[in-house]
Amino acid sequence: MYFKVAPKEWSAHPLFVNVPFLDQMGYTLVLTMLIIMVYSYLQHKGKDKEKGIPITKDLFKTSPLFNIGSFAIMIILVALYALFWS
């Protein structure tokens, strides 16, 4: 609500400063993330949830065939980009 009121200069109070839009969004993002983290920590009192998915290193491993295929797709995309950009 602060960023809805402050940029419009609806109040002459020094608390309401004019902040650029992208800075407003950055401040809102950080504040929202902090609120979510604090709420989540307090809700479970620092313990992991029983139904949560355990994240391990093995969860993100890919096969060699996938790695070769994705690299080939990247090379094709770079070639197409270079061909059509210039």
PDB file of N, CA and C in Angstrom:
ATOM      1  N   MET A   1       0.825  -1.183   0.000  1.00  0.00           N
ATOM      2  CA  MET A   1       0.000   0.000   0.000  1.00  0.00           C
ATOM      3  C   MET A   1       0.878   1.259   0.000  1.00  0.00           C
ATOM      4  N   TYR A   2       2.038   1.143   0.639  1.00  0.00           N
ATOM      5  CA  TYR A   2       2.941   2.289   0.685  1.00  0.00           C
ATOM      6  C   TYR A   2       3.315   2.745  -0.720  1.00  0.00           C
ATOM      7  N   PHE A   3       3.662   1.792  -1.582  1.00  0.00           N
ATOM      8  CA  PHE A   3       4.096   2.145  -2.927  1.00  0.00           C
ATOM      9  C   PHE A   3       2.931   2.582  -3.813  1.00  0.00           C
ATOM     10  N   LYS A   4       1.720   2.335  -3.400  1.00  0.00           N
ATOM     11  CA  LYS A   4       0.554   2.834  -4.125  1.00  0.00           C
ATOM     12  C   LYS A   4       0.342   4.313  -3.812  1.00  0.00           C
ATOM     13  N   VAL A   5       0.641   4.700  -2.584  1.00  0.00           N
ATOM     14  CA  VAL A   5       0.392   6.066  -2.132  1.00  0.00           C
ATOM     15  C   VAL A   5       1.610   6.965  -2.346  1.00  0.00           C
ATOM     16  N   ALA A   6       2.803   6.475  -2.063  1.00  0.00           N
ATOM     17  CA  ALA A   6       3.998   7.321  -2.067  1.00  0.00           C
ATOM     18  C   ALA A   6       4.304   7.963  -3.415  1.00  0.00           C
ATOM     19  N   PRO A   7       4.273   7.243  -4.535  1.00  0.00           N
ATOM     20  CA  PRO A   7       4.644   7.887  -5.800  1.00  0.00           C
ATOM     21  C   PRO A   7       3.635   8.929  -6.270  1.00  0.00           C
ATOM     22  N   LYS A   8       2.424   8.882  -5.788  1.00  0.00           N
ATOM     23  CA  LYS A   8       1.392   9.819  -6.236  1.00  0.00           C
ATOM     24  C   LYS A   8       1.481  11.162  -5.531  1.00  0.00           C
ATOM     25  N   GLU A   9       2.369  11.233  -4.548  1.00  0.00           N
ATOM     26  CA  GLU A   9       2.542  12.458  -3.754  1.00  0.00           C
ATOM     27  C   GLU A   9       1.222  12.907  -3.149  1.00  0.00           C
ATOM     28  N   TRP A  10       0.469  11.929  -2.632  1.00  0.00           N
ATOM     29  CA  TRP A  10      -0.799  12.242  -1.991  1.00  0.00           C
ATOM     30  C   TRP A  10      -0.603  12.880  -0.630  1.00  0.00           C
ATOM     31  N   SER A  11       0.605  12.750  -0.109  1.00  0.00           N
ATOM     32  CA  SER A  11       0.895  13.321   1.199  1.00  0.00           C
ATOM     33  C   SER A  11       2.212  14.071   1.109  1.00  0.00           C
ATOM     34  N   ALA A  12       2.319  15.170   1.827  1.00  0.00           N
ATOM     35  CA  ALA A  12       3.550  15.952   1.831  1.00  0.00           C
ATOM     36  C   ALA A  12       4.485  15.511   2.951  1.00  0.00           C
ATOM     37  N   HIS A  13       4.117  14.469   3.669  1.00  0.00           N
ATOM     38  CA  HIS A  13       4.928  13.971   4.774  1.00  0.00           C
ATOM     39  C   HIS A  13       6.258  13.431   4.236  1.00  0.00           C
ATOM     40  N   PRO A  14       7.389  13.689   4.928  1.00  0.00           N
ATOM     41  CA  PRO A  14       8.691  13.225   4.422  1.00  0.00           C
ATOM     42  C   PRO A  14       8.837  11.699   4.398  1.00  0.00           C
ATOM     43  N   LEU A  15       7.937  10.979   5.047  1.00  0.00           N
ATOM     44  CA  LEU A  15       7.981   9.525   5.025  1.00  0.00           C
ATOM     45  C   LEU A  15       7.650   8.989   3.634  1.00  0.00           C
ATOM     46  N   PHE A  16       6.831   9.729   2.878  1.00  0.00           N
ATOM     47  CA  PHE A  16       6.420   9.295   1.550  1.00  0.00           C
ATOM     48  C   PHE A  16       7.388   9.869   0.510  1.00  0.00           C
ATOM     49  N   VAL A  17       8.319   9.047   0.050  1.00  0.00           N
ATOM     50  CA  VAL A  17       9.300   9.485  -0.942  1.00  0.00           C
ATOM     51  C   VAL A  17       8.933   8.910  -2.301  1.00  0.00           C
ATOM     52  N   ASN A  18       9.378   9.574  -3.328  1.00  0.00           N
ATOM     53  CA  ASN A  18       9.127   9.116  -4.687  1.00  0.00           C
ATOM     54  C   ASN A  18      10.222   8.124  -5.068  1.00  0.00           C
ATOM     55  N   VAL A  19       9.855   6.857  -5.264  1.00  0.00           N
ATOM     56  CA  VAL A  19      10.801   5.789  -5.567  1.00  0.00           C
ATOM     57  C   VAL A  19      10.512   5.298  -6.986  1.00  0.00           C
ATOM     58  N   PRO A  20      11.554   5.073  -7.825  1.00  0.00           N
ATOM     59  CA  PRO A  20      11.322   4.545  -9.167  1.00  0.00           C
ATOM     60  C   PRO A  20      10.600   3.199  -9.120  1.00  0.00           C
ATOM     61  N   PHE A  21       9.852   2.904 -10.192  1.00  0.00           N
ATOM     62  CA  PHE A  21       8.989   1.732 -10.226  1.00  0.00           C
ATOM     63  C   PHE A  21       9.747   0.427  -9.997  1.00  0.00           C
ATOM     64  N   LEU A  22      10.885   0.248 -10.698  1.00  0.00           N
ATOM     65  CA  LEU A  22      11.628  -1.012 -10.545  1.00  0.00           C
ATOM     66  C   LEU A  22      12.201  -1.158  -9.141  1.00  0.00           C
ATOM     67  N   ASP A  23      12.578  -0.057  -8.513  1.00  0.00           N
ATOM     68  CA  ASP A  23      13.018  -0.119  -7.122  1.00  0.00           C
ATOM     69  C   ASP A  23      11.856  -0.515  -6.217  1.00  0.00           C
ATOM     70  N   GLN A  24      10.672   0.010  -6.501  1.00  0.00           N
ATOM     71  CA  GLN A  24       9.481  -0.373  -5.731  1.00  0.00           C
ATOM     72  C   GLN A  24       9.259  -1.877  -5.809  1.00  0.00           C
ATOM     73  N   MET A  25       9.374  -2.433  -7.020  1.00  0.00           N
ATOM     74  CA  MET A  25       9.154  -3.868  -7.201  1.00  0.00           C
ATOM     75  C   MET A  25      10.233  -4.685  -6.484  1.00  0.00           C
ATOM     76  N   GLY A  26      11.463  -4.198  -6.498  1.00  0.00           N
ATOM     77  CA  GLY A  26      12.548  -4.887  -5.790  1.00  0.00           C
ATOM     78  C   GLY A  26      12.308  -4.897  -4.288  1.00  0.00           C
ATOM     79  N   TYR A  27      11.931  -3.737  -3.735  1.00  0.00           N
ATOM     80  CA  TYR A  27      11.641  -3.659  -2.296  1.00  0.00           C
ATOM     81  C   TYR A  27      10.465  -4.558  -1.929  1.00  0.00           C
ATOM     82  N   THR A  28       9.444  -4.574  -2.774  1.00  0.00           N
ATOM     83  CA  THR A  28       8.277  -5.414  -2.518  1.00  0.00           C
ATOM     84  C   THR A  28       8.664  -6.886  -2.552  1.00  0.00           C
ATOM     85  N   LEU A  29       9.495  -7.287  -3.516  1.00  0.00           N
ATOM     86  CA  LEU A  29       9.947  -8.677  -3.612  1.00  0.00           C
ATOM     87  C   LEU A  29      10.703  -9.101  -2.361  1.00  0.00           C
ATOM     88  N   VAL A  30      11.661  -8.286  -1.932  1.00  0.00           N
ATOM     89  CA  VAL A  30      12.470  -8.629  -0.761  1.00  0.00           C
ATOM     90  C   VAL A  30      11.598  -8.696   0.486  1.00  0.00           C
ATOM     91  N   LEU A  31      10.721  -7.733   0.663  1.00  0.00           N
ATOM     92  CA  LEU A  31       9.842  -7.725   1.831  1.00  0.00           C
ATOM     93  C   LEU A  31       8.914  -8.929   1.834  1.00  0.00           C
ATOM     94  N   THR A  32       8.354  -9.276   0.694  1.00  0.00           N
ATOM     95  CA  THR A  32       7.462 -10.435   0.604  1.00  0.00           C
ATOM     96  C   THR A  32       8.214 -11.721   0.905  1.00  0.00           C
ATOM     97  N   MET A  33       9.436 -11.855   0.378  1.00  0.00           N
ATOM     98  CA  MET A  33      10.226 -13.058   0.650  1.00  0.00           C
ATOM     99  C   MET A  33      10.550 -13.176   2.129  1.00  0.00           C
ATOM    100  N   LEU A  34      10.895 -12.075   2.772  1.00  0.00           N
ATOM    101  CA  LEU A  34      11.180 -12.113   4.203  1.00  0.00           C
ATOM    102  C   LEU A  34       9.951 -12.516   5.009  1.00  0.00           C
ATOM    103  N   ILE A  35       8.794 -11.974   4.655  1.00  0.00           N
ATOM    104  CA  ILE A  35       7.560 -12.324   5.364  1.00  0.00           C
ATOM    105  C   ILE A  35       7.256 -13.808   5.198  1.00  0.00           C
ATOM    106  N   ILE A  36       7.412 -14.339   3.981  1.00  0.00           N
ATOM    107  CA  ILE A  36       7.152 -15.758   3.734  1.00  0.00           C
ATOM    108  C   ILE A  36       8.132 -16.632   4.511  1.00  0.00           C
ATOM    109  N   MET A  37       9.417 -16.263   4.550  1.00  0.00           N
ATOM    110  CA  MET A  37      10.398 -17.063   5.277  1.00  0.00           C
ATOM    111  C   MET A  37      10.117 -17.068   6.769  1.00  0.00           C
ATOM    112  N   VAL A  38       9.813 -15.898   7.341  1.00  0.00           N
ATOM    113  CA  VAL A  38       9.529 -15.821   8.776  1.00  0.00           C
ATOM    114  C   VAL A  38       8.270 -16.602   9.109  1.00  0.00           C
ATOM    115  N   TYR A  39       7.229 -16.452   8.304  1.00  0.00           N
ATOM    116  CA  TYR A  39       5.980 -17.162   8.552  1.00  0.00           C
ATOM    117  C   TYR A  39       6.180 -18.675   8.464  1.00  0.00           C
ATOM    118  N   SER A  40       6.930 -19.117   7.450  1.00  0.00           N
ATOM    119  CA  SER A  40       7.180 -20.545   7.289  1.00  0.00           C
ATOM    120  C   SER A  40       7.985 -21.093   8.453  1.00  0.00           C
ATOM    121  N   TYR A  41       8.988 -20.356   8.899  1.00  0.00           N
ATOM    122  CA  TYR A  41       9.805 -20.807  10.017  1.00  0.00           C
ATOM    123  C   TYR A  41       8.977 -20.887  11.296  1.00  0.00           C
ATOM    124  N   LEU A  42       8.158 -19.885  11.542  1.00  0.00           N
ATOM    125  CA  LEU A  42       7.345 -19.876  12.764  1.00  0.00           C
ATOM    126  C   LEU A  42       6.234 -20.920  12.712  1.00  0.00           C
ATOM    127  N   GLN A  43       5.724 -21.187  11.539  1.00  0.00           N
ATOM    128  CA  GLN A  43       4.629 -22.144  11.399  1.00  0.00           C
ATOM    129  C   GLN A  43       5.090 -23.559  11.740  1.00  0.00           C
ATOM    130  N   HIS A  44       6.296 -23.931  11.303  1.00  0.00           N
ATOM    131  CA  HIS A  44       6.793 -25.285  11.536  1.00  0.00           C
ATOM    132  C   HIS A  44       7.837 -25.327  12.643  1.00  0.00           C
ATOM    133  N   LYS A  45       8.101 -24.205  13.257  1.00  0.00           N
ATOM    134  CA  LYS A  45       9.061 -24.081  14.351  1.00  0.00           C
ATOM    135  C   LYS A  45      10.443 -24.630  13.984  1.00  0.00           C
ATOM    136  N   GLY A  46      10.869 -24.405  12.730  1.00  0.00           N
ATOM    137  CA  GLY A  46      12.195 -24.787  12.279  1.00  0.00           C
ATOM    138  C   GLY A  46      12.338 -26.240  11.862  1.00  0.00           C
ATOM    139  N   LYS A  47      11.285 -27.022  11.954  1.00  0.00           N
ATOM    140  CA  LYS A  47      11.361 -28.440  11.596  1.00  0.00           C
ATOM    141  C   LYS A  47      10.900 -28.641  10.156  1.00  0.00           C
ATOM    142  N   ASP A  48      11.430 -29.704   9.530  1.00  0.00           N
ATOM    143  CA  ASP A  48      10.990 -30.053   8.185  1.00  0.00           C
ATOM    144  C   ASP A  48       9.609 -30.688   8.248  1.00  0.00           C
ATOM    145  N   LYS A  49       8.841 -30.468   7.213  1.00  0.00           N
ATOM    146  CA  LYS A  49       7.512 -31.056   7.143  1.00  0.00           C
ATOM    147  C   LYS A  49       7.621 -32.527   6.737  1.00  0.00           C
ATOM    148  N   GLU A  50       6.752 -33.367   7.292  1.00  0.00           N
ATOM    149  CA  GLU A  50       6.819 -34.805   7.015  1.00  0.00           C
ATOM    150  C   GLU A  50       6.540 -35.112   5.550  1.00  0.00           C
ATOM    151  N   LYS A  51       5.660 -34.357   4.928  1.00  0.00           N
ATOM    152  CA  LYS A  51       5.272 -34.605   3.542  1.00  0.00           C
ATOM    153  C   LYS A  51       6.196 -33.914   2.536  1.00  0.00           C
ATOM    154  N   GLY A  52       7.217 -33.243   3.010  1.00  0.00           N
ATOM    155  CA  GLY A  52       8.129 -32.532   2.127  1.00  0.00           C
ATOM    156  C   GLY A  52       8.983 -33.472   1.299  1.00  0.00           C
ATOM    157  N   ILE A  53       9.446 -33.010   0.163  1.00  0.00           N
ATOM    158  CA  ILE A  53      10.309 -33.797  -0.718  1.00  0.00           C
ATOM    159  C   ILE A  53      11.760 -33.520  -0.338  1.00  0.00           C
ATOM    160  N   PRO A  54      12.509 -34.554   0.043  1.00  0.00           N
ATOM    161  CA  PRO A  54      13.922 -34.319   0.381  1.00  0.00           C
ATOM    162  C   PRO A  54      14.719 -34.012  -0.889  1.00  0.00           C
ATOM    163  N   ILE A  55      15.472 -32.935  -0.864  1.00  0.00           N
ATOM    164  CA  ILE A  55      16.257 -32.522  -2.026  1.00  0.00           C
ATOM    165  C   ILE A  55      17.683 -33.013  -1.844  1.00  0.00           C
ATOM    166  N   THR A  56      18.116 -33.869  -2.753  1.00  0.00           N
ATOM    167  CA  THR A  56      19.475 -34.401  -2.714  1.00  0.00           C
ATOM    168  C   THR A  56      20.174 -34.095  -4.039  1.00  0.00           C
ATOM    169  N   LYS A  57      21.462 -34.360  -4.071  1.00  0.00           N
ATOM    170  CA  LYS A  57      22.248 -34.119  -5.278  1.00  0.00           C
ATOM    171  C   LYS A  57      21.801 -35.044  -6.413  1.00  0.00           C
ATOM    172  N   ASP A  58      21.387 -36.263  -6.069  1.00  0.00           N
ATOM    173  CA  ASP A  58      20.964 -37.232  -7.079  1.00  0.00           C
ATOM    174  C   ASP A  58      19.708 -36.792  -7.825  1.00  0.00           C
ATOM    175  N   LEU A  59      18.925 -35.942  -7.216  1.00  0.00           N
ATOM    176  CA  LEU A  59      17.685 -35.479  -7.828  1.00  0.00           C
ATOM    177  C   LEU A  59      17.947 -34.670  -9.101  1.00  0.00           C
ATOM    178  N   PHE A  60      19.130 -34.053  -9.196  1.00  0.00           N
ATOM    179  CA  PHE A  60      19.436 -33.162 -10.313  1.00  0.00           C
ATOM    180  C   PHE A  60      20.395 -33.772 -11.329  1.00  0.00           C
ATOM    181  N   LYS A  61      20.727 -35.040 -11.187  1.00  0.00           N
ATOM    182  CA  LYS A  61      21.631 -35.682 -12.139  1.00  0.00           C
ATOM    183  C   LYS A  61      20.907 -35.964 -13.451  1.00  0.00           C
ATOM    184  N   THR A  62      21.630 -35.776 -14.551  1.00  0.00           N
ATOM    185  CA  THR A  62      21.067 -36.061 -15.876  1.00  0.00           C
ATOM    186  C   THR A  62      21.941 -37.103 -16.568  1.00  0.00           C
ATOM    187  N   SER A  63      21.343 -37.767 -17.530  1.00  0.00           N
ATOM    188  CA  SER A  63      22.073 -38.816 -18.253  1.00  0.00           C
ATOM    189  C   SER A  63      23.000 -38.188 -19.287  1.00  0.00           C
ATOM    190  N   PRO A  64      24.041 -38.913 -19.688  1.00  0.00           N
ATOM    191  CA  PRO A  64      24.944 -38.387 -20.725  1.00  0.00           C
ATOM    192  C   PRO A  64      24.223 -38.109 -22.046  1.00  0.00           C
ATOM    193  N   LEU A  65      23.230 -38.924 -22.385  1.00  0.00           N
ATOM    194  CA  LEU A  65      22.477 -38.705 -23.620  1.00  0.00           C
ATOM    195  C   LEU A  65      21.714 -37.373 -23.558  1.00  0.00           C
ATOM    196  N   PHE A  66      21.131 -37.072 -22.425  1.00  0.00           N
ATOM    197  CA  PHE A  66      20.432 -35.801 -22.252  1.00  0.00           C
ATOM    198  C   PHE A  66      21.410 -34.629 -22.382  1.00  0.00           C
ATOM    199  N   ASN A  67      22.586 -34.762 -21.766  1.00  0.00           N
ATOM    200  CA  ASN A  67      23.572 -33.687 -21.819  1.00  0.00           C
ATOM    201  C   ASN A  67      24.044 -33.429 -23.260  1.00  0.00           C
ATOM    202  N   ILE A  68      24.279 -34.484 -24.019  1.00  0.00           N
ATOM    203  CA  ILE A  68      24.704 -34.340 -25.415  1.00  0.00           C
ATOM    204  C   ILE A  68      23.583 -33.714 -26.246  1.00  0.00           C
ATOM    205  N   GLY A  69      22.362 -34.180 -26.046  1.00  0.00           N
ATOM    206  CA  GLY A  69      21.225 -33.620 -26.784  1.00  0.00           C
ATOM    207  C   GLY A  69      21.001 -32.154 -26.490  1.00  0.00           C
ATOM    208  N   SER A  70      21.088 -31.764 -25.215  1.00  0.00           N
ATOM    209  CA  SER A  70      20.878 -30.357 -24.870  1.00  0.00           C
ATOM    210  C   SER A  70      21.996 -29.479 -25.417  1.00  0.00           C
ATOM    211  N   PHE A  71      23.223 -29.995 -25.421  1.00  0.00           N
ATOM    212  CA  PHE A  71      24.333 -29.236 -25.989  1.00  0.00           C
ATOM    213  C   PHE A  71      24.147 -29.065 -27.494  1.00  0.00           C
ATOM    214  N   ALA A  72      23.673 -30.116 -28.178  1.00  0.00           N
ATOM    215  CA  ALA A  72      23.416 -30.034 -29.617  1.00  0.00           C
ATOM    216  C   ALA A  72      22.328 -29.002 -29.908  1.00  0.00           C
ATOM    217  N   ILE A  73      21.284 -28.970 -29.098  1.00  0.00           N
ATOM    218  CA  ILE A  73      20.216 -27.986 -29.291  1.00  0.00           C
ATOM    219  C   ILE A  73      20.761 -26.576 -29.086  1.00  0.00           C
ATOM    220  N   MET A  74      21.630 -26.389 -28.117  1.00  0.00           N
ATOM    221  CA  MET A  74      22.225 -25.067 -27.898  1.00  0.00           C
ATOM    222  C   MET A  74      23.047 -24.631 -29.102  1.00  0.00           C
ATOM    223  N   ILE A  75      23.820 -25.550 -29.670  1.00  0.00           N
ATOM    224  CA  ILE A  75      24.637 -25.228 -30.851  1.00  0.00           C
ATOM    225  C   ILE A  75      23.736 -24.846 -32.030  1.00  0.00           C
ATOM    226  N   ILE A  76      22.651 -25.599 -32.244  1.00  0.00           N
ATOM    227  CA  ILE A  76      21.709 -25.291 -33.327  1.00  0.00           C
ATOM    228  C   ILE A  76      21.076 -23.922 -33.116  1.00  0.00           C
ATOM    229  N   LEU A  77      20.677 -23.621 -31.888  1.00  0.00           N
ATOM    230  CA  LEU A  77      20.066 -22.316 -31.603  1.00  0.00           C
ATOM    231  C   LEU A  77      21.052 -21.168 -31.827  1.00  0.00           C
ATOM    232  N   VAL A  78      22.304 -21.357 -31.430  1.00  0.00           N
ATOM    233  CA  VAL A  78      23.316 -20.321 -31.650  1.00  0.00           C
ATOM    234  C   VAL A  78      23.521 -20.102 -33.147  1.00  0.00           C
ATOM    235  N   ALA A  79      23.571 -21.191 -33.920  1.00  0.00           N
ATOM    236  CA  ALA A  79      23.747 -21.076 -35.370  1.00  0.00           C
ATOM    237  C   ALA A  79      22.562 -20.359 -36.003  1.00  0.00           C
ATOM    238  N   LEU A  80      21.338 -20.722 -35.619  1.00  0.00           N
ATOM    239  CA  LEU A  80      20.153 -20.044 -36.157  1.00  0.00           C
ATOM    240  C   LEU A  80      20.119 -18.572 -35.767  1.00  0.00           C
ATOM    241  N   TYR A  81      20.485 -18.279 -34.535  1.00  0.00           N
ATOM    242  CA  TYR A  81      20.514 -16.896 -34.065  1.00  0.00           C
ATOM    243  C   TYR A  81      21.527 -16.088 -34.867  1.00  0.00           C
ATOM    244  N   ALA A  82      22.724 -16.647 -35.068  1.00  0.00           N
ATOM    245  CA  ALA A  82      23.765 -15.950 -35.816  1.00  0.00           C
ATOM    246  C   ALA A  82      23.354 -15.770 -37.270  1.00  0.00           C
ATOM    247  N   LEU A  83      22.670 -16.752 -37.828  1.00  0.00           N
ATOM    248  CA  LEU A  83      22.239 -16.698 -39.234  1.00  0.00           C
ATOM    249  C   LEU A  83      21.185 -15.627 -39.459  1.00  0.00           C
ATOM    250  N   PHE A  84      20.183 -15.595 -38.611  1.00  0.00           N
ATOM    251  CA  PHE A  84      19.071 -14.669 -38.829  1.00  0.00           C
ATOM    252  C   PHE A  84      19.264 -13.294 -38.199  1.00  0.00           C
ATOM    253  N   TRP A  85      20.185 -13.148 -37.279  1.00  0.00           N
ATOM    254  CA  TRP A  85      20.381 -11.850 -36.630  1.00  0.00           C
ATOM    255  C   TRP A  85      21.112 -10.888 -37.560  1.00  0.00           C
ATOM    256  N   SER A  86      22.060 -11.385 -38.320  1.00  0.00           N
ATOM    257  CA  SER A  86      22.866 -10.473 -39.142  1.00  0.00           C
ATOM    258  C   SER A  86      22.326 -10.296 -40.531  1.00  0.00           C
TER     259      SER A  86
END
